[in-house]
Amino acid sequence: MGETLFAYGTLQPGLAPTAMRDVVERFRPVGRATVRGKLYHLGAYPGLVLEPDAGLVHGQVLEMPDDPLLWRRLDSYEGFAPDAPERSLFRRVRCSARRADGTEVQCWTYVYNGDVRRAATIPSGAWYPDRATDPAPQPEAPLASSPRRPVIGLTMSSFERSPDRYDLAMDYATAVERAGGLPWPLPFRSDLSLIPEFVDRLDGILFTGGDDLDPALYGEKRHPGSEPIHPDRQRFELALIAEVERRQTPALGVCLGCQLMNVYRGGSLIQFLPDQQRDSKLEHRKLEDNSRRHVVKLEPGTRLAQAVARPEITVNTRHKQAVARPGRGLRVIAQAPDGVVEAIEDPSLPFFMAVQWHPENLSDQPEHLAPFKLLVESARRAASARTPQSQRVSADQ
């Protein structure tokens, strides 16, 4: 016998959807079998969690052709990324399946990698919804999906080499995911009249990095060392931040996002840091050195300092502009050793905070994931406040 698969859901012969029927037709059924675990009702498909002391989950052992392409299709269908199993929807793992004659067969199977705390179990351990003679099992409780991740809007840049394309560094989305949010990129060439509809669907927003704002916004002429932002992006984000503030939607700014928040509030910027007179000057620009780091001192008692849980943090740095005069209602909550402003916030709003460094590139470290967690948790509270009480009670049952 070659490689085998324990199938308990839509990969069983006779239950495959149209897109996978050609694959399943190549399986050779070996026989009915069971594994120890729990089966969860996830709507259109079930999810298996292996537990050695749990009940029996029923399925079939299938012999597989020796075909790497087939496995790639199966992995793709199940949302399994072999190079990143922790970020997969299902994971392919080895299990021991017991056949009707009592023999044990070592098989591959796909186990659910999501949150099952609010999903209903299938007490029978069998899932055959497409068989007229074997109706779908009734779950123990009304089907409830896993807790909904707050939707976080991400602003985008223009793509330098192709001006007709948007650009978004992947680390922003990764940081939002790690913090528990669902990233949703926002196209800045959209009609401004659509902004209320965008914000209707968002629980929070991340204003990302990019090129330099037009200094006419704060009454200055452009410095020759600046790099102008795409005018459509500037127009869109100024309208967007106005709508976000009107609704008190939780917002986090990074780099350009920090400068945008400040300028929107009537503040000004240092256009070119190397020209500024400072004691003990630091080089804040990247200058082709991704390893450049410096210390930032956090203002005690602020949400950021409490989340980081230390008075200082070591940050990356690649900016030539920074906050000069803080805008209305904003306070400085972090500074570099040379006095450059590294973070601001409006403490009167549920969450309106910005940092000058790039924590998205370091979000595998708890102290740099902290700003994104603050955003996502604030967005979660905002989403809960908008949900009618009756819906919240139903979802929690």
Protein backbone atom coordinates (compact mmCIF):
# COMPACT_ATOMS: atom_id res chain seq x y z
CA MET A 1 0.00 0.00 0.00
CA GLY A 2 1.30 3.47 -0.92
CA GLU A 3 0.54 6.75 0.86
CA THR A 4 -2.88 6.82 2.50
CA LEU A 5 -5.29 9.54 3.54
CA PHE A 6 -7.95 9.45 6.26
CA ALA A 7 -10.83 11.45 4.75
CA TYR A 8 -13.79 12.43 6.91
CA GLY A 9 -15.42 15.26 4.92
CA THR A 10 -15.61 16.48 1.36
CA LEU A 11 -12.61 14.44 0.18
CA GLN A 12 -14.56 11.19 0.52
CA PRO A 13 -15.73 9.56 -2.72
CA GLY A 14 -19.24 10.69 -3.53
CA LEU A 15 -18.98 13.87 -1.44
CA ALA A 16 -16.38 15.85 -3.40
CA PRO A 17 -17.33 19.24 -4.86
CA THR A 18 -17.06 19.73 -8.59
CA ALA A 19 -13.60 21.31 -8.40
CA MET A 20 -12.12 18.24 -6.66
CA ARG A 21 -13.99 15.35 -8.26
CA ASP A 22 -11.20 14.58 -10.73
CA VAL A 23 -8.78 14.28 -7.81
CA VAL A 24 -11.04 12.16 -5.61
CA GLU A 25 -11.77 9.83 -8.52
CA ARG A 26 -8.09 8.84 -8.42
CA PHE A 27 -8.32 7.61 -4.81
CA ARG A 28 -8.66 3.88 -4.13
CA PRO A 29 -10.95 3.27 -1.14
CA VAL A 30 -9.34 0.91 1.37
CA GLY A 31 -12.23 0.80 3.82
CA ARG A 32 -14.12 2.51 6.59
CA ALA A 33 -12.08 3.61 9.58
CA THR A 34 -12.10 5.79 12.68
CA VAL A 35 -9.68 8.09 14.48
CA ARG A 36 -9.77 9.46 18.00
CA GLY A 37 -10.82 13.10 18.10
CA LYS A 38 -13.67 15.55 17.80
CA LEU A 39 -15.52 16.66 14.70
CA TYR A 40 -16.74 20.25 14.47
CA HIS A 41 -19.47 21.66 12.26
CA LEU A 42 -17.97 24.59 10.32
CA GLY A 43 -20.89 25.23 8.00
CA ALA A 44 -20.21 23.82 4.54
CA TYR A 45 -17.55 21.41 5.81
CA PRO A 46 -16.37 19.73 9.03
CA GLY A 47 -13.16 20.16 10.96
CA LEU A 48 -11.25 17.43 12.79
CA VAL A 49 -9.22 17.93 15.97
CA LEU A 50 -7.22 14.85 16.98
CA GLU A 51 -7.46 13.96 20.67
CA PRO A 52 -6.27 10.53 21.90
CA ASP A 53 -8.83 10.36 24.72
CA ALA A 54 -11.81 11.68 22.76
CA GLY A 55 -14.55 9.80 20.89
CA LEU A 56 -14.51 8.32 17.42
CA VAL A 57 -14.54 10.28 14.18
CA HIS A 58 -15.73 8.23 11.21
CA GLY A 59 -14.32 8.35 7.71
CA GLN A 60 -12.50 6.33 5.06
CA VAL A 61 -8.94 5.28 4.41
CA LEU A 62 -8.00 6.07 0.82
CA GLU A 63 -4.89 4.97 -1.06
CA MET A 64 -3.20 7.78 -2.97
CA PRO A 65 -1.44 7.75 -6.35
CA ASP A 66 2.22 8.71 -6.26
CA ASP A 67 1.69 12.18 -7.69
CA PRO A 68 3.16 15.34 -6.06
CA LEU A 69 0.80 17.54 -8.08
CA LEU A 70 -2.18 15.78 -6.52
CA TRP A 71 -0.86 16.52 -3.04
CA ARG A 72 -0.36 20.16 -3.97
CA ARG A 73 -3.98 20.37 -5.09
CA LEU A 74 -5.18 18.72 -1.89
CA ASP A 75 -3.07 21.06 0.24
CA SER A 76 -4.37 24.06 -1.66
CA TYR A 77 -7.98 22.89 -1.32
CA GLU A 78 -7.57 22.51 2.44
CA GLY A 79 -5.76 25.84 2.84
CA PHE A 80 -2.57 24.12 4.01
CA ALA A 81 0.78 25.86 3.48
CA PRO A 82 3.58 23.31 4.10
CA ASP A 83 6.11 26.11 4.63
CA ALA A 84 3.88 27.92 7.15
CA PRO A 85 1.64 25.34 8.88
CA GLU A 86 0.90 27.66 11.79
CA ARG A 87 -0.82 30.10 9.40
CA SER A 88 -2.85 27.46 7.54
CA LEU A 89 -6.60 26.85 7.65
CA PHE A 90 -6.07 23.09 7.91
CA ARG A 91 -2.81 21.28 8.63
CA ARG A 92 -1.81 17.95 7.08
CA VAL A 93 -0.58 15.61 9.83
CA ARG A 94 0.02 11.91 10.41
CA CYS A 95 -2.58 9.94 12.34
CA SER A 96 -3.42 6.35 13.25
CA ALA A 97 -6.73 5.13 11.80
CA ARG A 98 -8.42 1.93 12.99
CA ARG A 99 -10.17 -0.18 10.37
CA ALA A 100 -13.25 -2.33 10.98
CA ASP A 101 -11.09 -5.46 11.39
CA GLY A 102 -9.15 -3.78 14.19
CA THR A 103 -5.93 -3.17 12.23
CA GLU A 104 -4.19 0.19 12.51
CA VAL A 105 -3.23 2.19 9.42
CA GLN A 106 -0.85 5.16 9.49
CA CYS A 107 -2.38 7.90 7.34
CA TRP A 108 -2.24 11.52 6.46
CA THR A 109 -5.26 13.60 7.43
CA TYR A 110 -6.19 17.27 7.58
CA VAL A 111 -6.89 18.76 11.01
CA TYR A 112 -8.56 22.12 11.56
CA ASN A 113 -6.17 24.89 12.58
CA GLY A 114 -8.73 27.56 13.51
CA ASP A 115 -10.52 28.49 16.71
CA VAL A 116 -13.18 25.88 17.55
CA ARG A 117 -14.23 27.31 20.91
CA ARG A 118 -17.51 28.59 19.52
CA ALA A 119 -18.07 25.95 16.84
CA ALA A 120 -20.63 23.19 17.42
CA THR A 121 -19.46 19.60 17.72
CA ILE A 122 -20.95 16.75 15.70
CA PRO A 123 -21.72 14.13 18.39
CA SER A 124 -21.95 11.22 15.96
CA GLY A 125 -18.46 11.90 14.64
CA ALA A 126 -19.72 11.43 11.06
CA TRP A 127 -20.36 14.02 8.35
CA TYR A 128 -22.36 12.90 5.34
CA PRO A 129 -24.58 15.87 4.37
CA ASP A 130 -24.83 14.97 0.69
CA ARG A 131 -26.19 11.47 1.21
CA ALA A 132 -29.96 11.23 1.09
CA THR A 133 -29.88 8.05 3.19
CA ASP A 134 -27.56 9.56 5.79
CA PRO A 135 -28.72 13.11 6.57
CA ALA A 136 -26.51 15.77 8.03
CA PRO A 137 -26.09 15.40 11.80
CA GLN A 138 -27.66 18.03 13.99
CA PRO A 139 -25.09 19.96 16.01
CA GLU A 140 -25.43 20.11 19.76
CA ALA A 141 -25.92 23.89 19.63
CA PRO A 142 -26.74 26.45 16.92
CA LEU A 143 -23.82 26.84 14.56
CA ALA A 144 -21.61 29.75 15.62
CA SER A 145 -18.48 30.65 13.75
CA SER A 146 -15.22 31.50 15.44
CA PRO A 147 -15.08 35.00 16.93
CA ARG A 148 -14.99 37.48 14.07
CA ARG A 149 -11.68 39.25 13.68
CA PRO A 150 -11.97 43.04 13.61
CA VAL A 151 -11.60 44.36 10.07
CA ILE A 152 -8.63 46.74 9.81
CA GLY A 153 -8.33 48.97 6.74
CA LEU A 154 -4.81 49.42 5.34
CA THR A 155 -3.93 52.41 3.20
CA MET A 156 -1.80 51.75 0.11
CA SER A 157 0.91 53.49 -1.91
CA SER A 158 1.37 53.81 -5.65
CA PHE A 159 3.76 51.38 -7.34
CA GLU A 160 6.80 53.32 -8.54
CA ARG A 161 7.55 51.22 -11.62
CA SER A 162 3.89 50.92 -12.66
CA PRO A 163 1.84 54.00 -11.75
CA ASP A 164 -1.37 52.15 -12.62
CA ARG A 165 -0.83 49.69 -9.73
CA TYR A 166 -1.21 49.92 -5.98
CA ASP A 167 1.58 48.94 -3.60
CA LEU A 168 1.40 47.61 -0.04
CA ALA A 169 4.28 46.09 1.94
CA MET A 170 3.24 42.65 3.16
CA ASP A 171 4.49 43.24 6.71
CA TYR A 172 1.58 45.58 7.45
CA ALA A 173 -0.96 42.84 6.78
CA THR A 174 1.16 40.29 8.66
CA ALA A 175 1.33 42.51 11.74
CA VAL A 176 -2.45 43.02 11.71
CA GLU A 177 -2.99 39.26 11.38
CA ARG A 178 -0.60 38.54 14.25
CA ALA A 179 -2.46 41.04 16.41
CA GLY A 180 -5.78 39.28 15.72
CA GLY A 181 -7.20 41.54 13.01
CA LEU A 182 -8.34 40.97 9.44
CA PRO A 183 -6.43 43.26 7.01
CA TRP A 184 -8.41 45.00 4.25
CA PRO A 185 -6.43 47.14 1.74
CA LEU A 186 -8.07 50.42 0.70
CA PRO A 187 -7.66 51.65 -2.92
CA PHE A 188 -6.89 55.38 -2.82
CA ARG A 189 -8.09 56.10 -6.35
CA SER A 190 -11.64 55.33 -5.29
CA ASP A 191 -14.27 58.04 -5.51
CA LEU A 192 -14.19 60.05 -2.28
CA SER A 193 -17.96 59.63 -2.01
CA LEU A 194 -17.30 55.94 -1.22
CA ILE A 195 -15.30 56.72 1.93
CA PRO A 196 -18.33 56.46 4.27
CA GLU A 197 -19.07 53.03 2.83
CA PHE A 198 -15.47 51.93 3.37
CA VAL A 199 -15.57 53.08 6.98
CA ASP A 200 -18.98 51.41 7.46
CA ARG A 201 -17.20 48.11 6.91
CA LEU A 202 -14.11 48.83 9.02
CA ASP A 203 -13.57 48.35 12.73
CA GLY A 204 -10.21 50.13 12.68
CA ILE A 205 -7.67 51.58 10.28
CA LEU A 206 -3.91 51.53 9.80
CA PHE A 207 -2.42 54.54 7.99
CA THR A 208 0.76 53.11 6.48
CA GLY A 209 4.08 54.60 5.41
CA GLY A 210 4.89 56.28 2.12
CA ASP A 211 6.22 59.43 0.48
CA ASP A 212 6.01 63.01 1.74
CA LEU A 213 2.91 65.17 2.18
CA ASP A 214 2.61 68.47 0.34
CA PRO A 215 4.13 71.04 2.77
CA ALA A 216 1.58 73.60 1.58
CA LEU A 217 -0.75 71.80 4.01
CA TYR A 218 1.23 73.37 6.85
CA GLY A 219 2.25 76.59 5.11
CA GLU A 220 5.71 75.76 3.80
CA LYS A 221 7.45 75.33 0.45
CA ARG A 222 8.73 71.93 -0.55
CA HIS A 223 12.27 70.99 0.49
CA PRO A 224 14.38 69.71 -2.45
CA GLY A 225 15.11 66.52 -0.51
CA SER A 226 11.45 65.53 -0.18
CA GLU A 227 9.65 62.93 -2.31
CA PRO A 228 6.09 63.99 -3.16
CA ILE A 229 3.27 61.63 -2.29
CA HIS A 230 0.87 60.65 -5.07
CA PRO A 231 -1.72 63.48 -5.02
CA ASP A 232 -4.63 61.03 -5.25
CA ARG A 233 -3.37 59.21 -2.17
CA GLN A 234 -3.01 62.45 -0.21
CA ARG A 235 -6.50 63.56 -1.24
CA PHE A 236 -8.01 60.20 -0.33
CA GLU A 237 -6.29 59.86 3.05
CA LEU A 238 -7.14 63.38 4.19
CA ALA A 239 -10.80 62.69 3.43
CA LEU A 240 -10.54 59.26 5.00
CA ILE A 241 -8.97 60.47 8.25
CA ALA A 242 -11.68 63.10 8.55
CA GLU A 243 -14.38 60.42 8.33
CA VAL A 244 -12.45 58.18 10.73
CA GLU A 245 -12.19 60.96 13.29
CA ARG A 246 -15.86 61.91 12.96
CA ARG A 247 -16.82 58.36 13.83
CA GLN A 248 -14.00 57.90 16.36
CA THR A 249 -12.90 54.80 14.49
CA PRO A 250 -9.72 53.38 16.10
CA ALA A 251 -6.69 54.45 14.06
CA LEU A 252 -2.96 53.73 14.10
CA GLY A 253 -0.42 55.61 11.99
CA VAL A 254 3.03 54.39 10.93
CA CYS A 255 5.72 56.72 9.55
CA LEU A 256 3.81 58.74 6.90
CA GLY A 257 0.68 57.79 8.86
CA CYS A 258 2.13 59.58 11.90
CA GLN A 259 2.88 62.66 9.82
CA LEU A 260 -0.59 62.55 8.25
CA MET A 261 -2.30 62.46 11.64
CA ASN A 262 -0.24 65.40 12.82
CA VAL A 263 -0.73 67.56 9.72
CA TYR A 264 -4.45 66.76 9.59
CA ARG A 265 -4.69 68.18 13.13
CA GLY A 266 -2.95 71.40 12.05
CA GLY A 267 0.57 70.43 13.07
CA SER A 268 3.76 70.87 11.07
CA LEU A 269 6.67 68.68 10.01
CA ILE A 270 10.44 68.83 9.87
CA GLN A 271 10.87 68.31 6.14
CA PHE A 272 14.48 67.18 6.16
CA LEU A 273 16.02 66.00 9.42
CA PRO A 274 19.70 66.36 8.36
CA ASP A 275 19.12 70.14 8.07
CA GLN A 276 17.74 70.45 11.61
CA GLN A 277 19.96 71.69 14.40
CA ARG A 278 19.95 69.03 17.10
CA ASP A 279 22.24 67.98 19.93
CA SER A 280 23.75 64.53 19.46
CA LYS A 281 22.26 64.07 16.02
CA LEU A 282 21.10 60.61 15.06
CA GLU A 283 20.85 59.44 11.47
CA HIS A 284 17.17 58.58 11.15
CA ARG A 285 17.28 57.75 7.46
CA LYS A 286 17.83 54.17 6.32
CA LEU A 287 20.55 55.00 3.76
CA GLU A 288 20.61 51.40 2.47
CA ASP A 289 21.11 50.03 5.98
CA ASN A 290 18.15 47.93 7.15
CA SER A 291 19.94 47.17 10.41
CA ARG A 292 19.95 50.77 11.64
CA ARG A 293 18.48 50.99 15.18
CA HIS A 294 18.20 53.49 18.01
CA VAL A 295 16.53 53.76 21.39
CA VAL A 296 13.19 55.52 21.90
CA LYS A 297 12.06 56.71 25.33
CA LEU A 298 8.36 56.17 26.06
CA GLU A 299 6.32 58.61 28.11
CA PRO A 300 5.38 56.87 31.39
CA GLY A 301 1.72 56.12 31.97
CA THR A 302 0.69 56.22 28.30
CA ARG A 303 -1.11 53.31 26.65
CA LEU A 304 1.93 52.61 24.50
CA ALA A 305 4.29 52.50 27.47
CA GLN A 306 1.90 50.24 29.38
CA ALA A 307 1.52 47.91 26.39
CA VAL A 308 5.29 47.68 25.83
CA ALA A 309 5.82 47.35 29.61
CA ARG A 310 9.20 49.06 29.64
CA PRO A 311 10.44 52.69 29.64
CA GLU A 312 12.45 52.36 26.42
CA ILE A 313 12.28 50.43 23.19
CA THR A 314 14.84 49.86 20.44
CA VAL A 315 13.38 50.71 17.04
CA ASN A 316 14.31 50.58 13.37
CA THR A 317 14.51 53.88 11.54
CA ARG A 318 14.16 55.05 7.94
CA HIS A 319 12.56 58.48 7.81
CA LYS A 320 13.78 61.92 6.84
CA GLN A 321 10.74 63.81 8.13
CA ALA A 322 9.18 64.00 11.58
CA VAL A 323 6.68 65.90 13.69
CA ALA A 324 7.74 69.50 14.36
CA ARG A 325 4.74 71.22 15.97
CA PRO A 326 2.18 68.72 17.36
CA GLY A 327 -1.33 69.20 16.02
CA ARG A 328 -4.42 70.09 18.02
CA GLY A 329 -5.18 67.67 20.83
CA LEU A 330 -2.07 65.57 20.19
CA ARG A 331 0.57 64.84 22.78
CA VAL A 332 4.07 63.45 22.30
CA ILE A 333 4.36 59.99 23.87
CA ALA A 334 7.83 58.91 22.66
CA GLN A 335 11.07 60.61 21.63
CA ALA A 336 14.48 59.64 20.30
CA PRO A 337 17.60 60.64 22.30
CA ASP A 338 18.10 63.65 19.99
CA GLY A 339 14.59 64.95 20.69
CA VAL A 340 12.92 63.79 17.46
CA VAL A 341 9.28 62.92 18.06
CA GLU A 342 8.71 59.18 17.65
CA ALA A 343 5.05 58.76 18.68
CA ILE A 344 1.92 60.85 19.26
CA GLU A 345 -1.64 60.25 20.39
CA ASP A 346 -4.93 61.95 21.19
CA PRO A 347 -5.80 60.56 24.64
CA SER A 348 -9.36 61.89 24.41
CA LEU A 349 -10.34 59.45 21.65
CA PRO A 350 -10.84 55.68 21.99
CA PHE A 351 -7.67 55.09 19.96
CA PHE A 352 -5.82 57.63 17.83
CA MET A 353 -2.09 56.87 17.97
CA ALA A 354 0.90 56.97 15.63
CA VAL A 355 4.55 55.94 15.65
CA GLN A 356 7.36 57.20 13.45
CA TRP A 357 9.31 53.93 13.19
CA HIS A 358 8.22 50.75 11.37
CA PRO A 359 7.01 48.20 13.94
CA GLU A 360 5.39 46.10 11.19
CA ASN A 361 8.88 44.92 10.17
CA LEU A 362 9.52 43.73 13.74
CA SER A 363 6.09 42.36 14.69
CA ASP A 364 7.56 38.98 15.63
CA GLN A 365 8.78 40.81 18.76
CA PRO A 366 6.12 41.48 21.44
CA GLU A 367 7.13 45.09 22.05
CA HIS A 368 6.68 45.93 18.35
CA LEU A 369 3.47 43.93 17.98
CA ALA A 370 2.07 45.96 20.88
CA PRO A 371 0.82 48.98 18.83
CA PHE A 372 -1.06 46.64 16.48
CA LYS A 373 -2.60 44.78 19.42
CA LEU A 374 -3.76 48.10 20.87
CA LEU A 375 -5.38 48.93 17.52
CA VAL A 376 -7.06 45.54 17.12
CA GLU A 377 -8.37 45.41 20.69
CA SER A 378 -9.77 48.92 20.39
CA ALA A 379 -11.35 47.93 17.07
CA ARG A 380 -12.85 44.85 18.72
CA ARG A 381 -14.44 46.99 21.42
CA ALA A 382 -15.75 49.41 18.80
CA ALA A 383 -17.26 46.56 16.77
CA SER A 384 -18.91 45.12 19.86
CA ALA A 385 -20.40 48.49 20.76
CA ARG A 386 -21.96 48.73 17.29
CA THR A 387 -23.47 45.22 17.45
CA PRO A 388 -27.07 45.10 18.77
CA GLN A 389 -27.33 43.38 22.16
CA SER A 390 -29.63 40.67 20.75
CA GLN A 391 -27.02 39.68 18.14
CA ARG A 392 -24.24 39.57 20.74
CA VAL A 393 -26.29 37.27 22.99
CA SER A 394 -27.13 34.97 20.06
CA ALA A 395 -23.52 34.77 18.93
CA ASP A 396 -22.34 33.89 22.44
CA GLN A 397 -24.76 30.99 22.93
